[in-house]
Protein backbone atom coordinates (compact mmCIF):
# COMPACT_ATOMS: atom_id res chain seq x y z
CA MET A 1 -223.01 -49.51 -206.75
CA TYR A 2 -224.43 -48.02 -210.11
CA VAL A 3 -225.72 -50.42 -212.65
CA ALA A 4 -227.50 -48.58 -215.40
CA ARG A 5 -228.41 -52.13 -217.64
CA ILE A 6 -228.93 -55.69 -217.56
CA LEU A 7 -229.52 -57.42 -220.76
CA TYR A 8 -230.06 -61.19 -221.68
CA PRO A 9 -229.25 -63.18 -223.78
CA VAL A 10 -226.00 -61.08 -225.08
CA GLU A 11 -224.52 -63.03 -228.01
CA VAL A 12 -222.09 -60.49 -229.06
CA LEU A 13 -219.70 -59.68 -226.49
CA GLY A 14 -218.22 -63.12 -225.71
CA PRO A 15 -219.19 -67.08 -226.11
CA GLY A 16 -222.77 -68.24 -225.99
CA LYS A 17 -225.82 -66.57 -224.10
CA ARG A 18 -224.64 -64.00 -221.63
CA VAL A 19 -225.64 -61.54 -219.15
CA GLY A 20 -224.48 -58.40 -219.87
CA ILE A 21 -224.18 -55.73 -217.06
CA TRP A 22 -223.62 -51.99 -217.54
CA PHE A 23 -222.04 -50.25 -215.07
CA CYS A 24 -222.42 -46.44 -214.98
CA GLY A 25 -220.05 -43.58 -214.07
CA CYS A 26 -216.96 -43.25 -215.72
CA PRO A 27 -214.23 -40.36 -215.00
CA ARG A 28 -212.24 -41.42 -218.39
CA ARG A 29 -214.98 -39.81 -220.93
CA CYS A 30 -213.02 -41.17 -224.09
CA LYS A 31 -213.95 -39.54 -227.21
CA GLY A 32 -215.98 -41.30 -229.48
CA CYS A 33 -217.07 -43.69 -226.45
CA SER A 34 -220.13 -46.00 -227.42
CA ASN A 35 -221.92 -45.22 -223.90
CA PRO A 36 -221.19 -41.37 -222.97
CA GLU A 37 -224.92 -41.80 -221.40
CA LEU A 38 -223.34 -43.82 -218.88
CA TRP A 39 -220.35 -41.60 -217.94
CA GLU A 40 -222.59 -40.02 -215.11
CA PHE A 41 -223.25 -41.92 -211.50
CA ASN A 42 -227.02 -41.53 -211.81
CA GLU A 43 -228.85 -42.04 -208.59
CA ARG A 44 -231.72 -43.76 -210.48
CA TYR A 45 -229.22 -46.32 -211.20
CA LYS A 46 -228.07 -47.05 -207.53
CA THR A 47 -228.68 -50.75 -206.20
CA THR A 48 -226.44 -53.44 -204.45
CA PRO A 49 -224.78 -56.27 -205.49
CA GLU A 50 -227.20 -58.43 -203.90
CA THR A 51 -230.03 -56.99 -205.65
CA VAL A 52 -228.62 -57.55 -209.02
CA PHE A 53 -227.60 -61.12 -208.19
CA ALA A 54 -231.18 -61.84 -207.06
CA LEU A 55 -232.51 -60.68 -210.52
CA ILE A 56 -229.96 -62.74 -212.30
CA LYS A 57 -230.40 -65.63 -210.46
CA ARG A 58 -234.05 -65.36 -211.09
CA LEU A 59 -233.43 -65.35 -214.60
CA ALA A 60 -231.04 -68.17 -214.48
CA GLU A 61 -234.08 -70.36 -213.14
CA GLU A 62 -235.40 -70.13 -216.45
CA HIS A 63 -232.85 -69.63 -218.99
CA PRO A 64 -229.44 -70.79 -219.68
CA ILE A 65 -226.64 -68.52 -218.81
CA ASP A 66 -223.34 -69.16 -220.14
CA GLY A 67 -221.27 -66.22 -218.93
CA PHE A 68 -221.36 -62.64 -218.00
CA THR A 69 -220.09 -59.45 -219.65
CA ILE A 70 -219.47 -56.72 -217.34
CA THR A 71 -218.62 -53.24 -218.92
CA GLY A 72 -219.73 -49.68 -218.59
CA GLY A 73 -219.09 -46.69 -217.75
CA GLU A 74 -216.19 -47.99 -215.59
CA PRO A 75 -216.62 -51.17 -213.53
CA MET A 76 -213.28 -50.49 -212.10
CA PHE A 77 -214.15 -47.27 -210.55
CA GLN A 78 -216.48 -49.19 -208.20
CA THR A 79 -214.01 -51.85 -207.05
CA ALA A 80 -215.62 -52.93 -203.82
CA ASP A 81 -219.04 -53.55 -205.15
CA LEU A 82 -217.69 -55.23 -208.45
CA ARG A 83 -215.81 -57.32 -206.23
CA LYS A 84 -218.50 -58.65 -204.44
CA LEU A 85 -220.80 -59.24 -207.49
CA LEU A 86 -218.11 -61.43 -209.30
CA GLY A 87 -218.17 -63.58 -206.28
CA LEU A 88 -221.59 -63.89 -206.38
CA LEU A 89 -222.03 -63.98 -210.04
CA LYS A 90 -219.69 -67.26 -210.01
CA GLU A 91 -222.34 -69.29 -208.37
CA ILE A 92 -224.14 -68.87 -211.83
CA SER A 93 -221.15 -69.05 -214.26
CA ASP A 94 -217.45 -69.06 -213.83
CA ASP A 95 -217.06 -67.32 -217.42
CA ILE A 96 -216.83 -63.79 -216.21
CA LEU A 97 -215.36 -61.21 -219.06
CA VAL A 98 -214.81 -57.73 -217.75
CA TYR A 99 -214.09 -54.51 -219.79
CA THR A 100 -211.84 -51.74 -218.26
CA GLY A 101 -210.20 -48.51 -219.56
CA TYR A 102 -207.50 -49.26 -216.89
CA LYS A 103 -204.37 -51.43 -217.89
CA LYS A 104 -204.04 -54.85 -215.94
CA SER A 105 -201.06 -53.82 -214.40
CA ASP A 106 -202.76 -50.85 -212.50
CA LEU A 107 -205.43 -53.38 -210.97
CA ASP A 108 -205.61 -55.19 -207.98
CA PRO A 109 -204.78 -58.53 -208.65
CA ALA A 110 -207.19 -59.80 -206.02
CA LEU A 111 -209.59 -58.15 -207.80
CA LEU A 112 -209.30 -60.15 -211.11
CA ALA A 113 -209.11 -63.75 -208.88
CA ASP A 114 -212.69 -64.16 -210.23
CA VAL A 115 -212.35 -62.80 -213.97
CA SER A 116 -212.04 -65.18 -216.51
CA VAL A 117 -211.18 -62.68 -219.23
CA LEU A 118 -210.11 -58.91 -218.77
CA ILE A 119 -210.36 -56.55 -221.87
CA ASP A 120 -207.98 -53.35 -220.83
CA GLY A 121 -207.01 -50.36 -222.13
CA GLU A 122 -208.59 -47.04 -223.03
CA TYR A 123 -210.82 -46.80 -226.00
CA LEU A 124 -209.02 -44.86 -228.71
CA GLU A 125 -211.33 -43.82 -231.64
CA GLU A 126 -208.50 -43.63 -234.04
CA ARG A 127 -207.48 -47.00 -233.51
CA ASN A 128 -211.18 -48.50 -233.86
CA ASP A 129 -210.33 -51.13 -236.63
CA ASP A 130 -212.80 -53.92 -235.97
CA SER A 131 -210.82 -55.92 -233.69
CA LEU A 132 -212.82 -58.75 -232.28
CA LEU A 133 -214.10 -58.00 -228.92
CA ARG A 134 -212.00 -54.87 -228.72
CA GLY A 135 -213.36 -51.21 -229.24
CA SER A 136 -209.99 -50.12 -230.18
CA SER A 137 -206.97 -52.32 -231.48
CA ASN A 138 -204.57 -50.85 -228.40
CA GLN A 139 -206.83 -52.98 -225.94
CA GLU A 140 -205.68 -56.17 -224.90
CA VAL A 141 -207.21 -59.36 -224.31
CA HIS A 142 -206.29 -61.18 -220.94
CA LEU A 143 -207.23 -64.95 -220.60
CA LEU A 144 -206.97 -65.06 -216.93
CA ASP A 145 -208.66 -68.50 -216.41
CA ALA A 146 -206.70 -71.23 -218.11
CA LYS A 147 -210.00 -73.51 -218.27
CA LYS A 148 -211.69 -71.17 -220.80
CA ALA A 149 -208.51 -71.02 -223.00
CA ASP A 150 -210.31 -73.82 -225.70
CA THR A 151 -213.76 -71.38 -225.68
CA TYR A 152 -212.17 -68.56 -226.25
CA ARG A 153 -209.49 -69.69 -228.88
CA THR A 154 -212.65 -70.91 -230.73
CA TYR A 155 -214.58 -67.85 -230.14
CA PHE A 156 -211.54 -65.77 -231.55
CA ALA A 157 -211.03 -68.02 -234.68
CA THR A 158 -214.70 -68.48 -235.82
CA GLU A 159 -216.46 -64.84 -234.43
CA THR A 160 -216.51 -61.62 -236.01
CA ASN A 161 -218.06 -58.33 -234.26
CA LYS A 162 -221.63 -58.14 -234.80
CA ILE A 163 -224.40 -55.62 -233.40
CA GLN A 164 -227.32 -56.78 -231.42
CA ASN A 165 -230.59 -54.52 -230.50
CA PHE A 166 -232.47 -54.84 -227.32
CA PHE A 167 -235.80 -53.07 -226.99
CA THR A 168 -236.19 -51.55 -223.40
CA SER A 169 -238.54 -49.37 -221.56
CA ASP A 170 -235.93 -46.38 -222.55
CA GLY A 171 -235.84 -47.29 -226.15
CA VAL A 172 -233.24 -49.44 -228.36
CA VAL A 173 -229.86 -50.31 -226.65
CA SER A 174 -227.51 -51.35 -229.35
CA VAL A 175 -224.98 -53.82 -228.02
CA GLY A 176 -221.58 -54.94 -229.65
CA ILE A 177 -218.48 -53.39 -230.92
CA HIS A 178 -219.41 -50.45 -232.83
CA ARG A 179 -217.53 -48.91 -236.04
CA PRO A 180 -216.01 -45.15 -235.45
CA ASN A 181 -218.64 -42.29 -235.46
CA PHE A 182 -221.51 -44.75 -234.41
């Protein structure tokens, strides 16, 4: 699998202190994408679900993890590794939010068994209207785990899109739902 970033604590892509996991490799190449640097499958980022999980497990020993947000690139372009990673992550938190440019109806329902919230649909720059947790208003939020309904209802009723900056060895990574032409 190809994972370019793992950041913590991400507090702008779902409720609580989350681990953000950015897959790389995306054939979609949406105009205005906020992560075009993640379009290519860069060998530098090749890893395994077990390696990613071991890193996150060490983090969880010292820090609270309320959930995970998986984005990209396109996570659904690496379904076998994604499925394995999802199963492992549930040992730490069962609140897993996944972004994809594909539609839910085009995905294997078995793959979604470990996903709490799916945000689907391609990014359309002309529909970027500051919709909470969505890059563009055509994207849909699917609450797949009824146990998380109250948490996400509260989140949607009380939060607004924000940007959070992380300083890494590669520079600054700006996380969140960005306005058009970012």
